[in-house]
């Protein structure tokens, strides 16, 4: 179950990302990770923030970490495939 505090932080991270402030969104997500633990959602969105900031190696790390938690994560698999295609 997601707590109200966690929901507020996710809303803030989303607002920052929607405004193009990916670095700030990343900081909020890292705060979520520190307070509520490392989850598939946290790792995936850290990957997204890294990708959007032009850091493909960091994004790859987060997506792979996401897959270690859930090997069937379709979003993480899709984003890894996209990264690998872009590296060609």
C-alpha atoms as a PDB file:
ATOM      1  CA  UNK A   1       0.000   0.000   0.000  1.00  0.00           C
ATOM      2  CA  UNK A   2       1.270   3.469  -0.893  1.00  0.00           C
ATOM      3  CA  UNK A   3       1.317   6.013   1.931  1.00  0.00           C
ATOM      4  CA  UNK A   4       0.031   9.545   1.536  1.00  0.00           C
ATOM      5  CA  UNK A   5       3.575  10.897   1.932  1.00  0.00           C
ATOM      6  CA  UNK A   6       4.823   8.610  -0.799  1.00  0.00           C
ATOM      7  CA  UNK A   7       1.957   9.609  -3.078  1.00  0.00           C
ATOM      8  CA  UNK A   8       2.799  13.281  -2.580  1.00  0.00           C
ATOM      9  CA  UNK A   9       6.430  12.653  -3.450  1.00  0.00           C
ATOM     10  CA  UNK A  10       5.491  10.717  -6.604  1.00  0.00           C
ATOM     11  CA  UNK A  11       3.185  13.585  -7.612  1.00  0.00           C
ATOM     12  CA  UNK A  12       6.052  16.036  -7.097  1.00  0.00           C
ATOM     13  CA  UNK A  13       8.441  13.875  -9.120  1.00  0.00           C
ATOM     14  CA  UNK A  14       5.861  13.656 -11.918  1.00  0.00           C
ATOM     15  CA  UNK A  15       5.323  17.423 -11.851  1.00  0.00           C
ATOM     16  CA  UNK A  16       9.073  18.024 -12.099  1.00  0.00           C
ATOM     17  CA  UNK A  17       9.386  15.562 -14.972  1.00  0.00           C
ATOM     18  CA  UNK A  18       6.399  17.087 -16.782  1.00  0.00           C
ATOM     19  CA  UNK A  19       8.128  20.476 -16.533  1.00  0.00           C
ATOM     20  CA  UNK A  20      11.328  19.005 -17.978  1.00  0.00           C
ATOM     21  CA  UNK A  21      13.243  19.246 -14.706  1.00  0.00           C
ATOM     22  CA  UNK A  22      14.503  15.675 -14.834  1.00  0.00           C
ATOM     23  CA  UNK A  23      17.357  16.288 -12.395  1.00  0.00           C
ATOM     24  CA  UNK A  24      14.939  17.495  -9.722  1.00  0.00           C
ATOM     25  CA  UNK A  25      12.559  14.617 -10.453  1.00  0.00           C
ATOM     26  CA  UNK A  26      15.487  12.219 -10.024  1.00  0.00           C
ATOM     27  CA  UNK A  27      16.297  13.741  -6.626  1.00  0.00           C
ATOM     28  CA  UNK A  28      12.699  13.311  -5.491  1.00  0.00           C
ATOM     29  CA  UNK A  29      12.674   9.687  -6.668  1.00  0.00           C
ATOM     30  CA  UNK A  30      15.923   9.041  -4.803  1.00  0.00           C
ATOM     31  CA  UNK A  31      14.243  10.514  -1.720  1.00  0.00           C
ATOM     32  CA  UNK A  32      11.347   8.084  -2.246  1.00  0.00           C
ATOM     33  CA  UNK A  33      13.868   5.240  -2.468  1.00  0.00           C
ATOM     34  CA  UNK A  34      15.560   6.342   0.766  1.00  0.00           C
ATOM     35  CA  UNK A  35      12.279   6.654   2.665  1.00  0.00           C
ATOM     36  CA  UNK A  36      10.211   3.795   1.233  1.00  0.00           C
ATOM     37  CA  UNK A  37      12.702   1.341  -0.257  1.00  0.00           C
ATOM     38  CA  UNK A  38      13.995   0.250  -3.615  1.00  0.00           C
ATOM     39  CA  UNK A  39      11.135  -0.994  -5.752  1.00  0.00           C
ATOM     40  CA  UNK A  40      10.651  -1.869  -9.385  1.00  0.00           C
ATOM     41  CA  UNK A  41       8.822   1.428  -9.903  1.00  0.00           C
ATOM     42  CA  UNK A  42      11.621   3.455  -8.294  1.00  0.00           C
ATOM     43  CA  UNK A  43      14.316   1.760 -10.377  1.00  0.00           C
ATOM     44  CA  UNK A  44      12.341   2.095 -13.597  1.00  0.00           C
ATOM     45  CA  UNK A  45      11.710   5.796 -13.115  1.00  0.00           C
ATOM     46  CA  UNK A  46      15.332   6.435 -12.132  1.00  0.00           C
ATOM     47  CA  UNK A  47      16.192   4.794 -15.443  1.00  0.00           C
ATOM     48  CA  UNK A  48      13.769   7.078 -17.226  1.00  0.00           C
ATOM     49  CA  UNK A  49      15.227  10.195 -15.618  1.00  0.00           C
ATOM     50  CA  UNK A  50      18.764   9.088 -16.544  1.00  0.00           C
ATOM     51  CA  UNK A  51      17.688   8.386 -20.137  1.00  0.00           C
ATOM     52  CA  UNK A  52      15.963  11.746 -20.443  1.00  0.00           C
ATOM     53  CA  UNK A  53      19.107  13.459 -19.131  1.00  0.00           C
ATOM     54  CA  UNK A  54      21.220  11.782 -21.817  1.00  0.00           C
ATOM     55  CA  UNK A  55      22.868   9.261 -19.502  1.00  0.00           C
ATOM     56  CA  UNK A  56      22.273   5.934 -21.269  1.00  0.00           C
ATOM     57  CA  UNK A  57      24.742   3.929 -19.173  1.00  0.00           C
ATOM     58  CA  UNK A  58      23.020   5.039 -15.963  1.00  0.00           C
ATOM     59  CA  UNK A  59      19.634   4.306 -17.505  1.00  0.00           C
ATOM     60  CA  UNK A  60      20.803   0.829 -18.510  1.00  0.00           C
ATOM     61  CA  UNK A  61      21.990   0.174 -14.952  1.00  0.00           C
ATOM     62  CA  UNK A  62      18.609   1.131 -13.479  1.00  0.00           C
ATOM     63  CA  UNK A  63      16.609  -0.861 -16.035  1.00  0.00           C
ATOM     64  CA  UNK A  64      18.777  -3.926 -15.408  1.00  0.00           C
ATOM     65  CA  UNK A  65      18.333  -3.479 -11.655  1.00  0.00           C
ATOM     66  CA  UNK A  66      14.597  -3.295 -12.240  1.00  0.00           C
ATOM     67  CA  UNK A  67      14.768  -6.602 -14.118  1.00  0.00           C
ATOM     68  CA  UNK A  68      16.693  -8.193 -11.242  1.00  0.00           C
ATOM     69  CA  UNK A  69      13.699  -7.408  -9.029  1.00  0.00           C
ATOM     70  CA  UNK A  70      11.174  -8.482 -11.657  1.00  0.00           C
ATOM     71  CA  UNK A  71      12.590 -10.356 -14.656  1.00  0.00           C
ATOM     72  CA  UNK A  72       9.205 -10.047 -16.382  1.00  0.00           C
ATOM     73  CA  UNK A  73       9.041  -6.232 -16.238  1.00  0.00           C
ATOM     74  CA  UNK A  74       7.860  -5.331 -19.724  1.00  0.00           C
ATOM     75  CA  UNK A  75       8.537  -1.574 -19.384  1.00  0.00           C
ATOM     76  CA  UNK A  76      12.168  -2.200 -18.350  1.00  0.00           C
ATOM     77  CA  UNK A  77      12.632  -4.710 -21.179  1.00  0.00           C
ATOM     78  CA  UNK A  78      11.220  -2.248 -23.711  1.00  0.00           C
ATOM     79  CA  UNK A  79      13.453   0.576 -22.559  1.00  0.00           C
ATOM     80  CA  UNK A  80      16.562  -1.628 -22.598  1.00  0.00           C
ATOM     81  CA  UNK A  81      15.714  -2.661 -26.149  1.00  0.00           C
ATOM     82  CA  UNK A  82      15.339   1.009 -27.105  1.00  0.00           C
ATOM     83  CA  UNK A  83      18.712   1.857 -25.544  1.00  0.00           C
ATOM     84  CA  UNK A  84      20.416  -1.031 -27.321  1.00  0.00           C
ATOM     85  CA  UNK A  85      18.906   0.009 -30.667  1.00  0.00           C
ATOM     86  CA  UNK A  86      20.093   3.587 -30.162  1.00  0.00           C
ATOM     87  CA  UNK A  87      23.647   2.378 -29.464  1.00  0.00           C
ATOM     88  CA  UNK A  88      23.987   0.789 -32.890  1.00  0.00           C
END
